[in-house]
């Protein structure tokens, strides 16, 4: 399964990959982008099945990316990995088409719990 990790921090992208592996999701093929605009190009080229995206990024934030994808008919599984996780944000994410929101700091268990429902 191809997974796109979108975060403006290279170290956070690395931590997300490592945490996914620790959570038991070892057979994933990763690609990366540092903002939503770059992610659109990567999505077109790589066709990921799952997108893990930060909410707050320069150029194009995660919510803008998600809305553009859904408007274009892209139904890739999408979840936020972000520092903010208020109830209104979770509701906004769900309404826009996100399957989950994982709050930072996260654990392998939080990834396992959220992703098991999404990718089995």
PDB file of N, CA and C in Angstrom:
ATOM      1  N   UNK A   1       0.835  -1.178   0.000  1.00  0.00           N
ATOM      2  CA  UNK A   1       0.000   0.000   0.000  1.00  0.00           C
ATOM      3  C   UNK A   1       0.883   1.246   0.000  1.00  0.00           C
ATOM      4  N   UNK A   2       0.552   2.185  -0.871  1.00  0.00           N
ATOM      5  CA  UNK A   2       1.310   3.432  -0.954  1.00  0.00           C
ATOM      6  C   UNK A   2       0.696   4.460  -0.003  1.00  0.00           C
ATOM      7  N   UNK A   3       1.565   5.066   0.828  1.00  0.00           N
ATOM      8  CA  UNK A   3       1.135   6.046   1.827  1.00  0.00           C
ATOM      9  C   UNK A   3       1.876   7.354   1.596  1.00  0.00           C
ATOM     10  N   UNK A   4       1.116   8.441   1.491  1.00  0.00           N
ATOM     11  CA  UNK A   4       1.694   9.770   1.368  1.00  0.00           C
ATOM     12  C   UNK A   4       1.663  10.450   2.736  1.00  0.00           C
ATOM     13  N   UNK A   5       2.814  10.937   3.187  1.00  0.00           N
ATOM     14  CA  UNK A   5       2.908  11.682   4.438  1.00  0.00           C
ATOM     15  C   UNK A   5       3.162  13.143   4.073  1.00  0.00           C
ATOM     16  N   UNK A   6       2.244  14.005   4.496  1.00  0.00           N
ATOM     17  CA  UNK A   6       2.335  15.432   4.174  1.00  0.00           C
ATOM     18  C   UNK A   6       2.541  16.207   5.470  1.00  0.00           C
ATOM     19  N   UNK A   7       3.707  16.815   5.606  1.00  0.00           N
ATOM     20  CA  UNK A   7       4.027  17.620   6.798  1.00  0.00           C
ATOM     21  C   UNK A   7       5.163  18.559   6.421  1.00  0.00           C
ATOM     22  N   UNK A   8       5.110  19.787   6.904  1.00  0.00           N
ATOM     23  CA  UNK A   8       6.165  20.746   6.565  1.00  0.00           C
ATOM     24  C   UNK A   8       7.462  20.479   7.319  1.00  0.00           C
ATOM     25  N   UNK A   9       7.444  19.551   8.263  1.00  0.00           N
ATOM     26  CA  UNK A   9       8.644  19.182   9.008  1.00  0.00           C
ATOM     27  C   UNK A   9       9.176  17.824   8.521  1.00  0.00           C
ATOM     28  N   UNK A  10      10.400  17.825   7.981  1.00  0.00           N
ATOM     29  CA  UNK A  10      11.012  16.573   7.514  1.00  0.00           C
ATOM     30  C   UNK A  10      11.187  15.594   8.669  1.00  0.00           C
ATOM     31  N   UNK A  11      11.544  16.097   9.844  1.00  0.00           N
ATOM     32  CA  UNK A  11      11.729  15.194  10.993  1.00  0.00           C
ATOM     33  C   UNK A  11      10.397  14.578  11.412  1.00  0.00           C
ATOM     34  N   UNK A  12       9.296  15.326  11.323  1.00  0.00           N
ATOM     35  CA  UNK A  12       7.987  14.754  11.667  1.00  0.00           C
ATOM     36  C   UNK A  12       7.582  13.697  10.656  1.00  0.00           C
ATOM     37  N   UNK A  13       7.884  13.898   9.380  1.00  0.00           N
ATOM     38  CA  UNK A  13       7.580  12.863   8.378  1.00  0.00           C
ATOM     39  C   UNK A  13       8.335  11.584   8.714  1.00  0.00           C
ATOM     40  N   UNK A  14       9.585  11.714   9.139  1.00  0.00           N
ATOM     41  CA  UNK A  14      10.384  10.549   9.513  1.00  0.00           C
ATOM     42  C   UNK A  14       9.790   9.867  10.754  1.00  0.00           C
ATOM     43  N   UNK A  15       9.354  10.642  11.726  1.00  0.00           N
ATOM     44  CA  UNK A  15       8.768  10.085  12.951  1.00  0.00           C
ATOM     45  C   UNK A  15       7.465   9.354  12.624  1.00  0.00           C
ATOM     46  N   UNK A  16       6.655   9.907  11.750  1.00  0.00           N
ATOM     47  CA  UNK A  16       5.406   9.246  11.354  1.00  0.00           C
ATOM     48  C   UNK A  16       5.711   7.895  10.709  1.00  0.00           C
ATOM     49  N   UNK A  17       6.684   7.851   9.801  1.00  0.00           N
ATOM     50  CA  UNK A  17       7.062   6.573   9.167  1.00  0.00           C
ATOM     51  C   UNK A  17       7.514   5.555  10.207  1.00  0.00           C
ATOM     52  N   UNK A  18       8.386   5.985  11.105  1.00  0.00           N
ATOM     53  CA  UNK A  18       8.890   5.074  12.136  1.00  0.00           C
ATOM     54  C   UNK A  18       7.748   4.577  13.025  1.00  0.00           C
ATOM     55  N   UNK A  19       6.853   5.458  13.388  1.00  0.00           N
ATOM     56  CA  UNK A  19       5.741   5.071  14.265  1.00  0.00           C
ATOM     57  C   UNK A  19       4.802   4.096  13.564  1.00  0.00           C
ATOM     58  N   UNK A  20       4.572   4.287  12.275  1.00  0.00           N
ATOM     59  CA  UNK A  20       3.749   3.338  11.518  1.00  0.00           C
ATOM     60  C   UNK A  20       4.365   1.948  11.543  1.00  0.00           C
ATOM     61  N   UNK A  21       5.669   1.885  11.359  1.00  0.00           N
ATOM     62  CA  UNK A  21       6.362   0.589  11.398  1.00  0.00           C
ATOM     63  C   UNK A  21       6.261  -0.034  12.786  1.00  0.00           C
ATOM     64  N   UNK A  22       6.418   0.783  13.832  1.00  0.00           N
ATOM     65  CA  UNK A  22       6.300   0.279  15.205  1.00  0.00           C
ATOM     66  C   UNK A  22       4.887  -0.209  15.494  1.00  0.00           C
ATOM     67  N   UNK A  23       3.901   0.370  14.818  1.00  0.00           N
ATOM     68  CA  UNK A  23       2.507  -0.020  15.016  1.00  0.00           C
ATOM     69  C   UNK A  23       2.151  -1.288  14.249  1.00  0.00           C
ATOM     70  N   UNK A  24       3.116  -1.837  13.502  1.00  0.00           N
ATOM     71  CA  UNK A  24       2.871  -3.084  12.796  1.00  0.00           C
ATOM     72  C   UNK A  24       2.547  -2.917  11.325  1.00  0.00           C
ATOM     73  N   UNK A  25       2.603  -1.702  10.832  1.00  0.00           N
ATOM     74  CA  UNK A  25       2.334  -1.459   9.416  1.00  0.00           C
ATOM     75  C   UNK A  25       3.665  -1.377   8.675  1.00  0.00           C
ATOM     76  N   UNK A  26       4.311  -2.517   8.519  1.00  0.00           N
ATOM     77  CA  UNK A  26       5.667  -2.554   7.975  1.00  0.00           C
ATOM     78  C   UNK A  26       5.707  -2.607   6.455  1.00  0.00           C
ATOM     79  N   UNK A  27       4.678  -3.132   5.823  1.00  0.00           N
ATOM     80  CA  UNK A  27       4.711  -3.334   4.373  1.00  0.00           C
ATOM     81  C   UNK A  27       4.094  -2.165   3.617  1.00  0.00           C
ATOM     82  N   UNK A  28       4.517  -0.956   3.957  1.00  0.00           N
ATOM     83  CA  UNK A  28       3.985   0.232   3.307  1.00  0.00           C
ATOM     84  C   UNK A  28       5.055   0.853   2.428  1.00  0.00           C
ATOM     85  N   UNK A  29       4.622   1.435   1.340  1.00  0.00           N
ATOM     86  CA  UNK A  29       5.505   2.153   0.423  1.00  0.00           C
ATOM     87  C   UNK A  29       5.226   3.640   0.633  1.00  0.00           C
ATOM     88  N   UNK A  30       6.239   4.394   1.067  1.00  0.00           N
ATOM     89  CA  UNK A  30       6.037   5.787   1.449  1.00  0.00           C
ATOM     90  C   UNK A  30       6.448   6.766   0.364  1.00  0.00           C
ATOM     91  N   UNK A  31       5.696   7.863   0.278  1.00  0.00           N
ATOM     92  CA  UNK A  31       6.101   9.040  -0.467  1.00  0.00           C
ATOM     93  C   UNK A  31       5.792  10.233   0.434  1.00  0.00           C
ATOM     94  N   UNK A  32       6.389  11.375   0.141  1.00  0.00           N
ATOM     95  CA  UNK A  32       6.291  12.520   1.047  1.00  0.00           C
ATOM     96  C   UNK A  32       6.043  13.810   0.287  1.00  0.00           C
ATOM     97  N   UNK A  33       5.456  14.772   1.012  1.00  0.00           N
ATOM     98  CA  UNK A  33       5.297  16.141   0.514  1.00  0.00           C
ATOM     99  C   UNK A  33       5.365  17.066   1.716  1.00  0.00           C
ATOM    100  N   UNK A  34       5.820  18.311   1.482  1.00  0.00           N
ATOM    101  CA  UNK A  34       5.967  19.221   2.613  1.00  0.00           C
ATOM    102  C   UNK A  34       4.843  20.240   2.735  1.00  0.00           C
ATOM    103  N   UNK A  35       3.870  20.213   1.822  1.00  0.00           N
ATOM    104  CA  UNK A  35       2.677  21.056   1.950  1.00  0.00           C
ATOM    105  C   UNK A  35       1.609  20.518   1.002  1.00  0.00           C
ATOM    106  N   UNK A  36       0.414  21.081   1.117  1.00  0.00           N
ATOM    107  CA  UNK A  36      -0.692  20.589   0.310  1.00  0.00           C
ATOM    108  C   UNK A  36      -0.496  20.749  -1.182  1.00  0.00           C
ATOM    109  N   UNK A  37       0.109  21.865  -1.588  1.00  0.00           N
ATOM    110  CA  UNK A  37       0.330  22.092  -3.023  1.00  0.00           C
ATOM    111  C   UNK A  37       1.274  21.036  -3.599  1.00  0.00           C
ATOM    112  N   UNK A  38       2.357  20.763  -2.878  1.00  0.00           N
ATOM    113  CA  UNK A  38       3.285  19.723  -3.333  1.00  0.00           C
ATOM    114  C   UNK A  38       2.597  18.364  -3.306  1.00  0.00           C
ATOM    115  N   UNK A  39       1.755  18.148  -2.319  1.00  0.00           N
ATOM    116  CA  UNK A  39       1.036  16.871  -2.200  1.00  0.00           C
ATOM    117  C   UNK A  39       0.161  16.603  -3.417  1.00  0.00           C
ATOM    118  N   UNK A  40      -0.476  17.640  -3.958  1.00  0.00           N
ATOM    119  CA  UNK A  40      -1.320  17.448  -5.141  1.00  0.00           C
ATOM    120  C   UNK A  40      -0.524  16.851  -6.301  1.00  0.00           C
ATOM    121  N   UNK A  41       0.692  17.325  -6.494  1.00  0.00           N
ATOM    122  CA  UNK A  41       1.552  16.797  -7.552  1.00  0.00           C
ATOM    123  C   UNK A  41       1.946  15.355  -7.253  1.00  0.00           C
ATOM    124  N   UNK A  42       2.327  15.085  -6.000  1.00  0.00           N
ATOM    125  CA  UNK A  42       2.729  13.727  -5.610  1.00  0.00           C
ATOM    126  C   UNK A  42       1.550  12.770  -5.769  1.00  0.00           C
ATOM    127  N   UNK A  43       0.356  13.214  -5.387  1.00  0.00           N
ATOM    128  CA  UNK A  43      -0.840  12.370  -5.495  1.00  0.00           C
ATOM    129  C   UNK A  43      -1.096  12.017  -6.957  1.00  0.00           C
ATOM    130  N   UNK A  44      -0.950  12.988  -7.838  1.00  0.00           N
ATOM    131  CA  UNK A  44      -1.149  12.731  -9.262  1.00  0.00           C
ATOM    132  C   UNK A  44      -0.132  11.725  -9.800  1.00  0.00           C
ATOM    133  N   UNK A  45       1.115  11.843  -9.340  1.00  0.00           N
ATOM    134  CA  UNK A  45       2.184  10.965  -9.828  1.00  0.00           C
ATOM    135  C   UNK A  45       2.186   9.587  -9.175  1.00  0.00           C
ATOM    136  N   UNK A  46       1.881   9.531  -7.879  1.00  0.00           N
ATOM    137  CA  UNK A  46       2.058   8.293  -7.104  1.00  0.00           C
ATOM    138  C   UNK A  46       0.765   7.537  -6.786  1.00  0.00           C
ATOM    139  N   UNK A  47      -0.385   8.192  -6.841  1.00  0.00           N
ATOM    140  CA  UNK A  47      -1.692   7.575  -6.540  1.00  0.00           C
ATOM    141  C   UNK A  47      -1.703   6.824  -5.205  1.00  0.00           C
ATOM    142  N   UNK A  48      -1.423   7.509  -4.088  1.00  0.00           N
ATOM    143  CA  UNK A  48      -1.424   6.817  -2.796  1.00  0.00           C
ATOM    144  C   UNK A  48      -2.820   6.352  -2.391  1.00  0.00           C
ATOM    145  N   UNK A  49      -2.849   5.257  -1.644  1.00  0.00           N
ATOM    146  CA  UNK A  49      -4.092   4.718  -1.117  1.00  0.00           C
ATOM    147  C   UNK A  49      -4.487   5.423   0.166  1.00  0.00           C
ATOM    148  N   UNK A  50      -3.477   5.877   0.920  1.00  0.00           N
ATOM    149  CA  UNK A  50      -3.687   6.523   2.209  1.00  0.00           C
ATOM    150  C   UNK A  50      -2.856   7.795   2.281  1.00  0.00           C
ATOM    151  N   UNK A  51      -3.459   8.865   2.788  1.00  0.00           N
ATOM    152  CA  UNK A  51      -2.771  10.139   2.963  1.00  0.00           C
ATOM    153  C   UNK A  51      -2.829  10.521   4.433  1.00  0.00           C
ATOM    154  N   UNK A  52      -1.661  10.712   5.043  1.00  0.00           N
ATOM    155  CA  UNK A  52      -1.549  11.177   6.430  1.00  0.00           C
ATOM    156  C   UNK A  52      -1.035  12.604   6.356  1.00  0.00           C
ATOM    157  N   UNK A  53      -1.805  13.550   6.857  1.00  0.00           N
ATOM    158  CA  UNK A  53      -1.523  14.951   6.582  1.00  0.00           C
ATOM    159  C   UNK A  53      -1.591  15.814   7.836  1.00  0.00           C
ATOM    160  N   UNK A  54      -0.621  16.712   7.963  1.00  0.00           N
ATOM    161  CA  UNK A  54      -0.666  17.736   8.999  1.00  0.00           C
ATOM    162  C   UNK A  54      -1.780  18.719   8.637  1.00  0.00           C
ATOM    163  N   UNK A  55      -2.309  19.405   9.634  1.00  0.00           N
ATOM    164  CA  UNK A  55      -3.375  20.381   9.385  1.00  0.00           C
ATOM    165  C   UNK A  55      -2.771  21.727   8.994  1.00  0.00           C
ATOM    166  N   UNK A  56      -1.837  22.214   9.817  1.00  0.00           N
ATOM    167  CA  UNK A  56      -1.255  23.547   9.634  1.00  0.00           C
ATOM    168  C   UNK A  56       0.070  23.481   8.902  1.00  0.00           C
ATOM    169  N   UNK A  57       0.070  23.986   7.655  1.00  0.00           N
ATOM    170  CA  UNK A  57       1.281  24.028   6.840  1.00  0.00           C
ATOM    171  C   UNK A  57       1.235  25.286   5.987  1.00  0.00           C
ATOM    172  N   UNK A  58       2.416  25.789   5.594  1.00  0.00           N
ATOM    173  CA  UNK A  58       2.424  26.933   4.676  1.00  0.00           C
ATOM    174  C   UNK A  58       2.017  26.500   3.267  1.00  0.00           C
ATOM    175  N   UNK A  59       1.769  27.444   2.419  1.00  0.00           N
ATOM    176  CA  UNK A  59       1.397  27.286   1.007  1.00  0.00           C
ATOM    177  C   UNK A  59      -0.035  26.770   0.860  1.00  0.00           C
ATOM    178  N   UNK A  60      -0.317  25.549   1.322  1.00  0.00           N
ATOM    179  CA  UNK A  60      -1.671  24.996   1.320  1.00  0.00           C
ATOM    180  C   UNK A  60      -1.796  24.084   2.525  1.00  0.00           C
ATOM    181  N   UNK A  61      -2.759  24.368   3.403  1.00  0.00           N
ATOM    182  CA  UNK A  61      -2.898  23.547   4.609  1.00  0.00           C
ATOM    183  C   UNK A  61      -3.633  22.240   4.309  1.00  0.00           C
ATOM    184  N   UNK A  62      -3.691  21.388   5.319  1.00  0.00           N
ATOM    185  CA  UNK A  62      -4.276  20.069   5.144  1.00  0.00           C
ATOM    186  C   UNK A  62      -5.752  20.074   4.807  1.00  0.00           C
ATOM    187  N   UNK A  63      -6.517  20.989   5.411  1.00  0.00           N
ATOM    188  CA  UNK A  63      -7.953  21.053   5.118  1.00  0.00           C
ATOM    189  C   UNK A  63      -8.179  21.506   3.678  1.00  0.00           C
ATOM    190  N   UNK A  64      -7.397  22.461   3.202  1.00  0.00           N
ATOM    191  CA  UNK A  64      -7.508  22.896   1.809  1.00  0.00           C
ATOM    192  C   UNK A  64      -7.188  21.737   0.865  1.00  0.00           C
ATOM    193  N   UNK A  65      -6.165  20.958   1.198  1.00  0.00           N
ATOM    194  CA  UNK A  65      -5.804  19.798   0.390  1.00  0.00           C
ATOM    195  C   UNK A  65      -6.945  18.794   0.349  1.00  0.00           C
ATOM    196  N   UNK A  66      -7.483  18.456   1.507  1.00  0.00           N
ATOM    197  CA  UNK A  66      -8.573  17.481   1.572  1.00  0.00           C
ATOM    198  C   UNK A  66      -9.770  17.945   0.743  1.00  0.00           C
ATOM    199  N   UNK A  67     -10.146  19.197   0.870  1.00  0.00           N
ATOM    200  CA  UNK A  67     -11.296  19.716   0.117  1.00  0.00           C
ATOM    201  C   UNK A  67     -11.037  19.669  -1.388  1.00  0.00           C
ATOM    202  N   UNK A  68      -9.831  20.014  -1.824  1.00  0.00           N
ATOM    203  CA  UNK A  68      -9.498  19.954  -3.250  1.00  0.00           C
ATOM    204  C   UNK A  68      -9.576  18.514  -3.768  1.00  0.00           C
ATOM    205  N   UNK A  69      -9.070  17.564  -2.958  1.00  0.00           N
ATOM    206  CA  UNK A  69      -9.113  16.160  -3.371  1.00  0.00           C
ATOM    207  C   UNK A  69     -10.544  15.679  -3.526  1.00  0.00           C
ATOM    208  N   UNK A  70     -11.380  15.967  -2.540  1.00  0.00           N
ATOM    209  CA  UNK A  70     -12.771  15.497  -2.595  1.00  0.00           C
ATOM    210  C   UNK A  70     -13.536  16.170  -3.726  1.00  0.00           C
ATOM    211  N   UNK A  71     -13.285  17.466  -3.955  1.00  0.00           N
ATOM    212  CA  UNK A  71     -13.935  18.168  -5.069  1.00  0.00           C
ATOM    213  C   UNK A  71     -13.543  17.556  -6.409  1.00  0.00           C
ATOM    214  N   UNK A  72     -12.317  17.042  -6.497  1.00  0.00           N
ATOM    215  CA  UNK A  72     -11.830  16.417  -7.732  1.00  0.00           C
ATOM    216  C   UNK A  72     -12.270  14.964  -7.859  1.00  0.00           C
ATOM    217  N   UNK A  73     -12.989  14.457  -6.858  1.00  0.00           N
ATOM    218  CA  UNK A  73     -13.454  13.079  -6.904  1.00  0.00           C
ATOM    219  C   UNK A  73     -12.456  12.060  -6.398  1.00  0.00           C
ATOM    220  N   UNK A  74     -11.359  12.527  -5.779  1.00  0.00           N
ATOM    221  CA  UNK A  74     -10.361  11.607  -5.230  1.00  0.00           C
ATOM    222  C   UNK A  74     -10.872  11.075  -3.897  1.00  0.00           C
ATOM    223  N   UNK A  75     -10.985   9.752  -3.789  1.00  0.00           N
ATOM    224  CA  UNK A  75     -11.534   9.140  -2.572  1.00  0.00           C
ATOM    225  C   UNK A  75     -10.477   8.399  -1.751  1.00  0.00           C
ATOM    226  N   UNK A  76      -9.196   8.760  -1.946  1.00  0.00           N
ATOM    227  CA  UNK A  76      -8.140   8.130  -1.140  1.00  0.00           C
ATOM    228  C   UNK A  76      -8.459   8.289   0.337  1.00  0.00           C
ATOM    229  N   UNK A  77      -8.103   7.297   1.125  1.00  0.00           N
ATOM    230  CA  UNK A  77      -8.292   7.389   2.568  1.00  0.00           C
ATOM    231  C   UNK A  77      -7.403   8.519   3.089  1.00  0.00           C
ATOM    232  N   UNK A  78      -7.958   9.359   3.958  1.00  0.00           N
ATOM    233  CA  UNK A  78      -7.271  10.581   4.389  1.00  0.00           C
ATOM    234  C   UNK A  78      -7.446  10.750   5.887  1.00  0.00           C
ATOM    235  N   UNK A  79      -6.340  11.027   6.558  1.00  0.00           N
ATOM    236  CA  UNK A  79      -6.404  11.312   7.989  1.00  0.00           C
ATOM    237  C   UNK A  79      -5.429  12.402   8.368  1.00  0.00           C
ATOM    238  N   UNK A  80      -5.791  13.138   9.388  1.00  0.00           N
ATOM    239  CA  UNK A  80      -4.911  14.199   9.884  1.00  0.00           C
ATOM    240  C   UNK A  80      -4.039  13.675  11.013  1.00  0.00           C
ATOM    241  N   UNK A  81      -2.795  14.126  11.033  1.00  0.00           N
ATOM    242  CA  UNK A  81      -1.860  13.890  12.129  1.00  0.00           C
ATOM    243  C   UNK A  81      -1.409  15.290  12.524  1.00  0.00           C
ATOM    244  N   UNK A  82      -1.971  15.808  13.625  1.00  0.00           N
ATOM    245  CA  UNK A  82      -1.811  17.225  13.918  1.00  0.00           C
ATOM    246  C   UNK A  82      -1.746  17.512  15.414  1.00  0.00           C
ATOM    247  N   UNK A  83      -1.211  18.665  15.764  1.00  0.00           N
ATOM    248  CA  UNK A  83      -1.079  19.028  17.181  1.00  0.00           C
ATOM    249  C   UNK A  83      -2.406  19.455  17.783  1.00  0.00           C
ATOM    250  N   UNK A  84      -3.313  19.938  16.981  1.00  0.00           N
ATOM    251  CA  UNK A  84      -4.597  20.398  17.488  1.00  0.00           C
ATOM    252  C   UNK A  84      -5.660  19.343  17.228  1.00  0.00           C
ATOM    253  N   UNK A  85      -6.474  19.082  18.248  1.00  0.00           N
ATOM    254  CA  UNK A  85      -7.504  18.057  18.050  1.00  0.00           C
ATOM    255  C   UNK A  85      -8.762  18.400  18.839  1.00  0.00           C
ATOM    256  N   UNK A  86      -9.239  19.626  18.687  1.00  0.00           N
ATOM    257  CA  UNK A  86     -10.452  20.035  19.378  1.00  0.00           C
ATOM    258  C   UNK A  86     -11.656  19.329  18.756  1.00  0.00           C
ATOM    259  N   UNK A  87     -12.742  19.288  19.490  1.00  0.00           N
ATOM    260  CA  UNK A  87     -13.965  18.667  18.981  1.00  0.00           C
ATOM    261  C   UNK A  87     -14.439  19.347  17.694  1.00  0.00           C
ATOM    262  N   UNK A  88     -14.407  20.690  17.608  1.00  0.00           N
ATOM    263  CA  UNK A  88     -14.812  21.321  16.337  1.00  0.00           C
ATOM    264  C   UNK A  88     -13.895  20.941  15.167  1.00  0.00           C
ATOM    265  N   UNK A  89     -12.597  20.808  15.428  1.00  0.00           N
ATOM    266  CA  UNK A  89     -11.680  20.400  14.357  1.00  0.00           C
ATOM    267  C   UNK A  89     -11.984  18.979  13.910  1.00  0.00           C
ATOM    268  N   UNK A  90     -12.224  18.096  14.864  1.00  0.00           N
ATOM    269  CA  UNK A  90     -12.547  16.706  14.511  1.00  0.00           C
ATOM    270  C   UNK A  90     -13.824  16.658  13.663  1.00  0.00           C
ATOM    271  N   UNK A  91     -14.820  17.457  14.045  1.00  0.00           N
ATOM    272  CA  UNK A  91     -16.074  17.497  13.300  1.00  0.00           C
ATOM    273  C   UNK A  91     -15.850  18.052  11.890  1.00  0.00           C
ATOM    274  N   UNK A  92     -15.064  19.122  11.778  1.00  0.00           N
ATOM    275  CA  UNK A  92     -14.771  19.710  10.472  1.00  0.00           C
ATOM    276  C   UNK A  92     -14.037  18.702   9.584  1.00  0.00           C
ATOM    277  N   UNK A  93     -13.086  17.978  10.170  1.00  0.00           N
ATOM    278  CA  UNK A  93     -12.338  16.974   9.419  1.00  0.00           C
ATOM    279  C   UNK A  93     -13.265  15.881   8.901  1.00  0.00           C
ATOM    280  N   UNK A  94     -14.138  15.379   9.775  1.00  0.00           N
ATOM    281  CA  UNK A  94     -15.090  14.335   9.378  1.00  0.00           C
ATOM    282  C   UNK A  94     -15.999  14.825   8.257  1.00  0.00           C
ATOM    283  N   UNK A  95     -16.547  16.042   8.422  1.00  0.00           N
ATOM    284  CA  UNK A  95     -17.464  16.588   7.423  1.00  0.00           C
ATOM    285  C   UNK A  95     -16.782  16.770   6.070  1.00  0.00           C
ATOM    286  N   UNK A  96     -15.487  17.071   6.074  1.00  0.00           N
ATOM    287  CA  UNK A  96     -14.745  17.270   4.820  1.00  0.00           C
ATOM    288  C   UNK A  96     -14.333  15.953   4.172  1.00  0.00           C
ATOM    289  N   UNK A  97     -14.464  14.841   4.899  1.00  0.00           N
ATOM    290  CA  UNK A  97     -14.157  13.540   4.313  1.00  0.00           C
ATOM    291  C   UNK A  97     -12.955  12.823   4.883  1.00  0.00           C
ATOM    292  N   UNK A  98     -12.411  13.318   6.010  1.00  0.00           N
ATOM    293  CA  UNK A  98     -11.296  12.612   6.651  1.00  0.00           C
ATOM    294  C   UNK A  98     -11.837  11.411   7.438  1.00  0.00           C
ATOM    295  N   UNK A  99     -11.074  10.319   7.439  1.00  0.00           N
ATOM    296  CA  UNK A  99     -11.498   9.129   8.179  1.00  0.00           C
ATOM    297  C   UNK A  99     -11.062   9.160   9.638  1.00  0.00           C
ATOM    298  N   UNK A 100     -10.033   9.941   9.975  1.00  0.00           N
ATOM    299  CA  UNK A 100      -9.546   9.980  11.355  1.00  0.00           C
ATOM    300  C   UNK A 100      -8.697  11.216  11.587  1.00  0.00           C
ATOM    301  N   UNK A 101      -8.438  11.498  12.850  1.00  0.00           N
ATOM    302  CA  UNK A 101      -7.526  12.555  13.254  1.00  0.00           C
ATOM    303  C   UNK A 101      -6.712  12.012  14.415  1.00  0.00           C
ATOM    304  N   UNK A 102      -5.402  11.966  14.242  1.00  0.00           N
ATOM    305  CA  UNK A 102      -4.478  11.495  15.283  1.00  0.00           C
ATOM    306  C   UNK A 102      -3.765  12.714  15.843  1.00  0.00           C
ATOM    307  N   UNK A 103      -3.841  12.883  17.169  1.00  0.00           N
ATOM    308  CA  UNK A 103      -3.231  14.050  17.802  1.00  0.00           C
ATOM    309  C   UNK A 103      -1.766  13.795  18.131  1.00  0.00           C
ATOM    310  N   UNK A 104      -0.938  14.827  17.900  1.00  0.00           N
ATOM    311  CA  UNK A 104       0.463  14.796  18.323  1.00  0.00           C
ATOM    312  C   UNK A 104       0.506  15.255  19.776  1.00  0.00           C
ATOM    313  N   UNK A 105       1.327  14.716  20.627  1.00  0.00           N
ATOM    314  CA  UNK A 105       2.227  13.602  20.350  1.00  0.00           C
ATOM    315  C   UNK A 105       1.441  12.299  20.266  1.00  0.00           C
ATOM    316  N   UNK A 106       1.831  11.442  19.355  1.00  0.00           N
ATOM    317  CA  UNK A 106       1.119  10.191  19.130  1.00  0.00           C
ATOM    318  C   UNK A 106       1.988   9.014  19.540  1.00  0.00           C
ATOM    319  N   UNK A 107       1.357   7.845  19.563  1.00  0.00           N
ATOM    320  CA  UNK A 107       2.033   6.599  19.926  1.00  0.00           C
ATOM    321  C   UNK A 107       1.766   5.570  18.826  1.00  0.00           C
ATOM    322  N   UNK A 108       2.549   4.498  18.805  1.00  0.00           N
ATOM    323  CA  UNK A 108       2.227   3.422  17.858  1.00  0.00           C
ATOM    324  C   UNK A 108       0.794   2.914  18.067  1.00  0.00           C
ATOM    325  N   UNK A 109       0.348   2.894  19.321  1.00  0.00           N
ATOM    326  CA  UNK A 109      -1.008   2.413  19.624  1.00  0.00           C
ATOM    327  C   UNK A 109      -2.072   3.321  19.015  1.00  0.00           C
ATOM    328  N   UNK A 110      -1.842   4.634  19.033  1.00  0.00           N
ATOM    329  CA  UNK A 110      -2.840   5.538  18.454  1.00  0.00           C
ATOM    330  C   UNK A 110      -2.925   5.351  16.934  1.00  0.00           C
ATOM    331  N   UNK A 111      -1.788   5.076  16.298  1.00  0.00           N
ATOM    332  CA  UNK A 111      -1.810   4.786  14.860  1.00  0.00           C
ATOM    333  C   UNK A 111      -2.515   3.463  14.600  1.00  0.00           C
ATOM    334  N   UNK A 112      -2.178   2.455  15.383  1.00  0.00           N
ATOM    335  CA  UNK A 112      -2.791   1.140  15.191  1.00  0.00           C
ATOM    336  C   UNK A 112      -4.309   1.226  15.333  1.00  0.00           C
ATOM    337  N   UNK A 113      -4.773   1.889  16.377  1.00  0.00           N
ATOM    338  CA  UNK A 113      -6.211   2.006  16.630  1.00  0.00           C
ATOM    339  C   UNK A 113      -6.922   2.744  15.493  1.00  0.00           C
ATOM    340  N   UNK A 114      -6.373   3.852  15.054  1.00  0.00           N
ATOM    341  CA  UNK A 114      -7.012   4.645  14.004  1.00  0.00           C
ATOM    342  C   UNK A 114      -6.955   3.956  12.642  1.00  0.00           C
ATOM    343  N   UNK A 115      -5.814   3.371  12.322  1.00  0.00           N
ATOM    344  CA  UNK A 115      -5.645   2.806  10.986  1.00  0.00           C
ATOM    345  C   UNK A 115      -6.265   1.424  10.805  1.00  0.00           C
ATOM    346  N   UNK A 116      -6.399   0.666  11.878  1.00  0.00           N
ATOM    347  CA  UNK A 116      -7.032  -0.667  11.753  1.00  0.00           C
ATOM    348  C   UNK A 116      -8.434  -0.548  11.190  1.00  0.00           C
ATOM    349  N   UNK A 117      -9.146   0.492  11.608  1.00  0.00           N
ATOM    350  CA  UNK A 117     -10.509   0.694  11.119  1.00  0.00           C
ATOM    351  C   UNK A 117     -10.529   1.119   9.649  1.00  0.00           C
ATOM    352  N   UNK A 118      -9.448   1.753   9.201  1.00  0.00           N
ATOM    353  CA  UNK A 118      -9.397   2.318   7.873  1.00  0.00           C
ATOM    354  C   UNK A 118      -8.786   1.375   6.842  1.00  0.00           C
ATOM    355  N   UNK A 119      -7.678   0.714   7.210  1.00  0.00           N
ATOM    356  CA  UNK A 119      -6.992  -0.144   6.236  1.00  0.00           C
ATOM    357  C   UNK A 119      -6.940  -1.606   6.631  1.00  0.00           C
ATOM    358  N   UNK A 120      -7.508  -1.933   7.781  1.00  0.00           N
ATOM    359  CA  UNK A 120      -7.597  -3.324   8.207  1.00  0.00           C
ATOM    360  C   UNK A 120      -6.327  -3.948   8.680  1.00  0.00           C
TER     361      UNK A 120
END
